[in-house]
C-alpha cells in the first residue's frame, strides 16, 4: 500500500487519484510519446513515397507512437493529394489538346 501525497491516507499502489481527497497521484502523459516517438520527417517521406506503408504505420502506431503515426499519415495523405492533382492537371491538359483539333 502507498500513501496519498496530499492527505496522507493509505491508498492502493496503482491509484491514479486519491479516493479520499481526489488529488492526482501520478502525472498522466497526455501525448503518449516515448523516446522513440519524435515524428521525424523520415516517416513522412516514407509515407509520401509509399502511401500504403504510411497508412499501415499510421494505423499501427496511432496509440503507441502518435507523433510518428501523424508524420507517416500526413506523408501518405500528401502523396494521394499530389497524385489526384497531377491526374486532374493531366486530364485538363489532354482535353484542351483534343479540343484544339
N, C-alpha and C. Protein backbone atom coordinates (compact mmCIF):
# COMPACT_ATOMS: atom_id res chain seq x y z
N UNK A 1 0.83 -1.18 0.00
CA UNK A 1 0.00 0.00 0.00
C UNK A 1 0.88 1.25 0.00
N UNK A 2 0.31 2.31 -0.53
CA UNK A 2 1.02 3.59 -0.59
C UNK A 2 0.19 4.63 0.16
N UNK A 3 0.74 5.81 0.23
CA UNK A 3 0.07 6.90 0.93
C UNK A 3 -0.13 8.08 -0.01
N UNK A 4 -1.25 8.76 0.15
CA UNK A 4 -1.56 9.93 -0.67
C UNK A 4 -0.54 11.03 -0.41
N UNK A 5 -0.09 11.68 -1.48
CA UNK A 5 0.89 12.75 -1.32
C UNK A 5 0.26 14.04 -0.81
N UNK A 6 -1.08 14.09 -0.81
CA UNK A 6 -1.77 15.28 -0.34
C UNK A 6 -2.29 15.12 1.10
N UNK A 7 -3.13 14.08 1.31
CA UNK A 7 -3.79 13.94 2.62
C UNK A 7 -3.13 12.89 3.52
N UNK A 8 -2.25 12.06 2.98
CA UNK A 8 -1.55 11.07 3.78
C UNK A 8 -2.33 9.80 4.06
N UNK A 9 -3.53 9.68 3.53
CA UNK A 9 -4.34 8.47 3.73
C UNK A 9 -3.74 7.31 2.94
N UNK A 10 -3.96 6.11 3.42
CA UNK A 10 -3.47 4.92 2.75
C UNK A 10 -4.32 4.66 1.50
N UNK A 11 -3.62 4.46 0.37
CA UNK A 11 -4.29 4.20 -0.91
C UNK A 11 -3.62 3.02 -1.58
N UNK A 12 -4.24 2.51 -2.62
CA UNK A 12 -3.68 1.40 -3.38
C UNK A 12 -2.45 1.87 -4.16
N UNK A 13 -1.50 0.96 -4.39
CA UNK A 13 -0.26 1.33 -5.09
C UNK A 13 -0.50 1.85 -6.50
N UNK A 14 -1.51 1.33 -7.18
CA UNK A 14 -1.77 1.72 -8.56
C UNK A 14 -2.77 2.87 -8.69
N UNK A 15 -3.16 3.46 -7.56
CA UNK A 15 -4.16 4.52 -7.59
C UNK A 15 -3.63 5.74 -8.35
N UNK A 16 -4.45 6.24 -9.25
CA UNK A 16 -4.09 7.43 -10.00
C UNK A 16 -4.61 8.66 -9.27
N UNK A 17 -5.77 8.52 -8.62
CA UNK A 17 -6.39 9.61 -7.86
C UNK A 17 -6.70 9.08 -6.47
N UNK A 18 -6.45 9.89 -5.47
CA UNK A 18 -6.75 9.51 -4.10
C UNK A 18 -8.27 9.45 -3.91
N UNK A 19 -8.80 8.30 -3.43
CA UNK A 19 -10.24 8.20 -3.24
C UNK A 19 -10.74 9.06 -2.07
N UNK A 20 -9.84 9.55 -1.22
CA UNK A 20 -10.23 10.33 -0.06
C UNK A 20 -10.30 11.83 -0.35
N UNK A 21 -9.27 12.33 -1.04
CA UNK A 21 -9.24 13.79 -1.30
C UNK A 21 -9.36 14.15 -2.78
N UNK A 22 -9.19 13.17 -3.68
CA UNK A 22 -9.35 13.43 -5.11
C UNK A 22 -8.14 14.02 -5.82
N UNK A 23 -6.99 14.08 -5.16
CA UNK A 23 -5.79 14.65 -5.77
C UNK A 23 -5.09 13.58 -6.60
N UNK A 24 -4.62 13.97 -7.79
CA UNK A 24 -3.91 13.05 -8.67
C UNK A 24 -2.59 12.63 -8.01
N UNK A 25 -2.30 11.34 -8.12
CA UNK A 25 -1.09 10.80 -7.50
C UNK A 25 0.05 10.65 -8.49
N UNK A 26 -0.28 10.41 -9.73
CA UNK A 26 0.73 10.22 -10.76
C UNK A 26 0.43 11.17 -11.90
N UNK A 27 1.50 11.68 -12.51
CA UNK A 27 1.34 12.52 -13.69
C UNK A 27 0.97 11.65 -14.87
N UNK A 28 -0.12 11.98 -15.53
CA UNK A 28 -0.55 11.23 -16.69
C UNK A 28 0.03 11.89 -17.94
N UNK A 29 0.54 11.07 -18.82
CA UNK A 29 1.07 11.56 -20.08
C UNK A 29 -0.08 11.84 -21.02
N UNK A 30 -0.21 13.07 -21.48
CA UNK A 30 -1.31 13.42 -22.37
C UNK A 30 -0.97 13.12 -23.82
N UNK A 31 0.31 13.02 -24.15
CA UNK A 31 0.68 12.77 -25.54
C UNK A 31 0.96 11.31 -25.81
N UNK A 32 1.33 10.54 -24.81
CA UNK A 32 1.63 9.13 -25.01
C UNK A 32 2.93 8.92 -25.75
N UNK A 33 3.78 9.92 -25.79
CA UNK A 33 5.01 9.80 -26.55
C UNK A 33 6.10 9.17 -25.71
N UNK A 34 6.99 8.52 -26.38
CA UNK A 34 8.14 7.90 -25.74
C UNK A 34 9.41 8.43 -26.36
N UNK A 35 10.55 7.87 -25.98
CA UNK A 35 11.81 8.37 -26.51
C UNK A 35 11.98 8.11 -28.01
N UNK A 36 11.28 7.12 -28.55
CA UNK A 36 11.39 6.82 -29.98
C UNK A 36 10.31 7.48 -30.81
N UNK A 37 9.49 8.30 -30.20
CA UNK A 37 8.39 8.96 -30.90
C UNK A 37 8.71 10.43 -31.10
N UNK A 38 9.42 10.72 -32.19
CA UNK A 38 9.84 12.10 -32.43
C UNK A 38 9.12 12.71 -33.63
N UNK A 39 8.40 11.89 -34.40
CA UNK A 39 7.67 12.43 -35.55
C UNK A 39 8.58 12.99 -36.60
N UNK A 40 9.68 12.32 -36.88
CA UNK A 40 10.66 12.81 -37.83
C UNK A 40 10.16 12.87 -39.26
N UNK A 41 10.86 13.66 -40.05
CA UNK A 41 10.50 13.85 -41.45
C UNK A 41 10.70 12.56 -42.24
N UNK A 42 11.53 11.66 -41.75
CA UNK A 42 11.76 10.40 -42.44
C UNK A 42 10.50 9.58 -42.59
N UNK A 43 9.67 9.56 -41.53
CA UNK A 43 8.42 8.80 -41.59
C UNK A 43 7.45 9.47 -42.56
N UNK A 44 7.45 10.78 -42.61
CA UNK A 44 6.60 11.48 -43.57
C UNK A 44 7.04 11.23 -45.00
N UNK A 45 8.35 11.19 -45.21
CA UNK A 45 8.89 10.92 -46.54
C UNK A 45 8.57 9.49 -46.96
N UNK A 46 8.68 8.56 -46.03
CA UNK A 46 8.31 7.18 -46.33
C UNK A 46 6.83 7.09 -46.69
N UNK A 47 5.98 7.76 -45.91
CA UNK A 47 4.56 7.77 -46.20
C UNK A 47 4.25 8.41 -47.54
N UNK A 48 5.03 9.42 -47.93
CA UNK A 48 4.82 10.09 -49.21
C UNK A 48 5.23 9.19 -50.37
N UNK A 49 6.38 8.53 -50.23
CA UNK A 49 6.89 7.67 -51.30
C UNK A 49 6.11 6.36 -51.42
N UNK A 50 5.68 5.82 -50.29
CA UNK A 50 4.93 4.56 -50.27
C UNK A 50 3.67 4.80 -49.42
N UNK A 51 2.62 5.33 -50.01
CA UNK A 51 1.44 5.71 -49.23
C UNK A 51 0.81 4.55 -48.45
N UNK A 52 0.86 3.34 -49.01
CA UNK A 52 0.29 2.19 -48.29
C UNK A 52 1.07 1.95 -47.00
N UNK A 53 2.38 2.07 -47.05
CA UNK A 53 3.20 1.90 -45.85
C UNK A 53 2.89 3.00 -44.84
N UNK A 54 2.69 4.22 -45.30
CA UNK A 54 2.33 5.31 -44.41
C UNK A 54 1.00 5.07 -43.72
N UNK A 55 0.03 4.55 -44.47
CA UNK A 55 -1.27 4.26 -43.89
C UNK A 55 -1.17 3.12 -42.87
N UNK A 56 -0.43 2.07 -43.21
CA UNK A 56 -0.27 0.95 -42.28
C UNK A 56 0.45 1.40 -41.02
N UNK A 57 1.51 2.17 -41.16
CA UNK A 57 2.23 2.67 -39.98
C UNK A 57 1.34 3.56 -39.13
N UNK A 58 0.53 4.39 -39.78
CA UNK A 58 -0.39 5.23 -39.02
C UNK A 58 -1.34 4.37 -38.19
N UNK A 59 -1.92 3.37 -38.81
CA UNK A 59 -2.87 2.51 -38.10
C UNK A 59 -2.22 1.72 -36.98
N UNK A 60 -0.98 1.30 -37.17
CA UNK A 60 -0.29 0.52 -36.14
C UNK A 60 0.16 1.42 -34.99
N UNK A 61 0.64 2.62 -35.29
CA UNK A 61 1.26 3.48 -34.27
C UNK A 61 0.34 4.54 -33.68
N UNK A 62 -0.90 4.64 -34.11
CA UNK A 62 -1.72 5.79 -33.69
C UNK A 62 -1.90 5.89 -32.18
N UNK A 63 -1.82 4.80 -31.44
CA UNK A 63 -1.97 4.86 -29.99
C UNK A 63 -0.62 4.88 -29.26
N UNK A 64 0.35 4.12 -29.76
CA UNK A 64 1.63 3.99 -29.08
C UNK A 64 2.62 5.09 -29.42
N UNK A 65 2.68 5.48 -30.69
CA UNK A 65 3.63 6.50 -31.14
C UNK A 65 2.87 7.53 -31.98
N UNK A 66 2.11 8.41 -31.34
CA UNK A 66 1.25 9.32 -32.11
C UNK A 66 1.99 10.31 -33.01
N UNK A 67 3.18 10.74 -32.63
CA UNK A 67 3.90 11.70 -33.48
C UNK A 67 4.42 11.03 -34.74
N UNK A 68 5.00 9.82 -34.60
CA UNK A 68 5.45 9.08 -35.78
C UNK A 68 4.27 8.70 -36.66
N UNK A 69 3.16 8.30 -36.05
CA UNK A 69 1.96 7.94 -36.81
C UNK A 69 1.45 9.13 -37.59
N UNK A 70 1.44 10.30 -36.97
CA UNK A 70 0.96 11.50 -37.64
C UNK A 70 1.85 11.85 -38.83
N UNK A 71 3.16 11.75 -38.66
CA UNK A 71 4.09 12.06 -39.75
C UNK A 71 3.88 11.11 -40.92
N UNK A 72 3.77 9.80 -40.64
CA UNK A 72 3.56 8.82 -41.72
C UNK A 72 2.21 9.03 -42.39
N UNK A 73 1.18 9.31 -41.60
CA UNK A 73 -0.15 9.53 -42.16
C UNK A 73 -0.22 10.78 -43.02
N UNK A 74 0.41 11.86 -42.57
CA UNK A 74 0.41 13.10 -43.35
C UNK A 74 1.17 12.89 -44.66
N UNK A 75 2.27 12.14 -44.60
CA UNK A 75 3.01 11.84 -45.83
C UNK A 75 2.16 11.07 -46.82
N UNK A 76 1.41 10.07 -46.31
CA UNK A 76 0.54 9.29 -47.19
C UNK A 76 -0.57 10.15 -47.78
N UNK A 77 -1.19 11.00 -46.96
CA UNK A 77 -2.25 11.88 -47.46
C UNK A 77 -1.71 12.88 -48.48
N UNK A 78 -0.53 13.40 -48.23
CA UNK A 78 0.06 14.35 -49.18
C UNK A 78 0.34 13.67 -50.51
N UNK A 79 0.80 12.43 -50.46
CA UNK A 79 1.07 11.70 -51.69
C UNK A 79 -0.21 11.47 -52.50
N UNK A 80 -1.27 11.09 -51.83
CA UNK A 80 -2.54 10.88 -52.51
C UNK A 80 -3.06 12.21 -53.08
N UNK A 81 -2.94 13.28 -52.32
CA UNK A 81 -3.36 14.59 -52.79
C UNK A 81 -2.59 15.04 -54.02
N UNK A 82 -1.30 14.84 -54.00
CA UNK A 82 -0.47 15.22 -55.16
C UNK A 82 -0.84 14.37 -56.37
N UNK A 83 -1.07 13.08 -56.16
CA UNK A 83 -1.45 12.21 -57.28
C UNK A 83 -2.78 12.65 -57.89
N UNK A 84 -3.74 12.99 -57.07
CA UNK A 84 -5.04 13.46 -57.58
C UNK A 84 -4.86 14.76 -58.35
N UNK A 85 -4.07 15.67 -57.82
CA UNK A 85 -3.81 16.94 -58.51
C UNK A 85 -3.13 16.71 -59.86
N UNK A 86 -2.17 15.81 -59.91
CA UNK A 86 -1.48 15.51 -61.17
C UNK A 86 -2.46 14.92 -62.18
N UNK A 87 -3.33 14.00 -61.74
CA UNK A 87 -4.33 13.43 -62.66
C UNK A 87 -5.27 14.49 -63.19
N UNK A 88 -5.72 15.39 -62.34
CA UNK A 88 -6.63 16.45 -62.78
C UNK A 88 -5.94 17.34 -63.81
N UNK A 89 -4.73 17.75 -63.52
CA UNK A 89 -3.99 18.60 -64.47
C UNK A 89 -3.76 17.86 -65.79
N UNK A 90 -3.44 16.58 -65.71
CA UNK A 90 -3.20 15.78 -66.90
C UNK A 90 -4.46 15.71 -67.77
N UNK A 91 -5.61 15.41 -67.16
CA UNK A 91 -6.84 15.29 -67.92
C UNK A 91 -7.29 16.63 -68.49
N UNK A 92 -7.10 17.70 -67.76
CA UNK A 92 -7.43 19.03 -68.30
C UNK A 92 -6.54 19.35 -69.48
N UNK A 93 -5.28 19.00 -69.40
CA UNK A 93 -4.33 19.22 -70.50
C UNK A 93 -4.73 18.39 -71.72
N UNK A 94 -5.07 17.13 -71.51
CA UNK A 94 -5.46 16.25 -72.62
C UNK A 94 -6.76 16.76 -73.27
N UNK A 95 -7.73 17.16 -72.47
CA UNK A 95 -8.99 17.67 -73.02
C UNK A 95 -8.74 18.95 -73.82
N UNK A 96 -7.85 19.82 -73.33
CA UNK A 96 -7.58 21.06 -74.06
C UNK A 96 -6.86 20.77 -75.38
N UNK A 97 -6.02 19.76 -75.41
CA UNK A 97 -5.33 19.40 -76.67
C UNK A 97 -6.33 18.78 -77.64
N UNK A 98 -7.17 17.87 -77.14
CA UNK A 98 -8.16 17.24 -78.02
C UNK A 98 -9.20 18.23 -78.51
N UNK A 99 -9.51 19.24 -77.73
CA UNK A 99 -10.47 20.26 -78.13
C UNK A 99 -9.92 21.17 -79.20
N UNK A 100 -8.61 21.26 -79.29
CA UNK A 100 -7.99 22.13 -80.30
C UNK A 100 -8.05 21.51 -81.67
N UNK A 101 -8.24 20.19 -81.77
CA UNK A 101 -8.27 19.53 -83.09
C UNK A 101 -9.63 19.46 -83.63
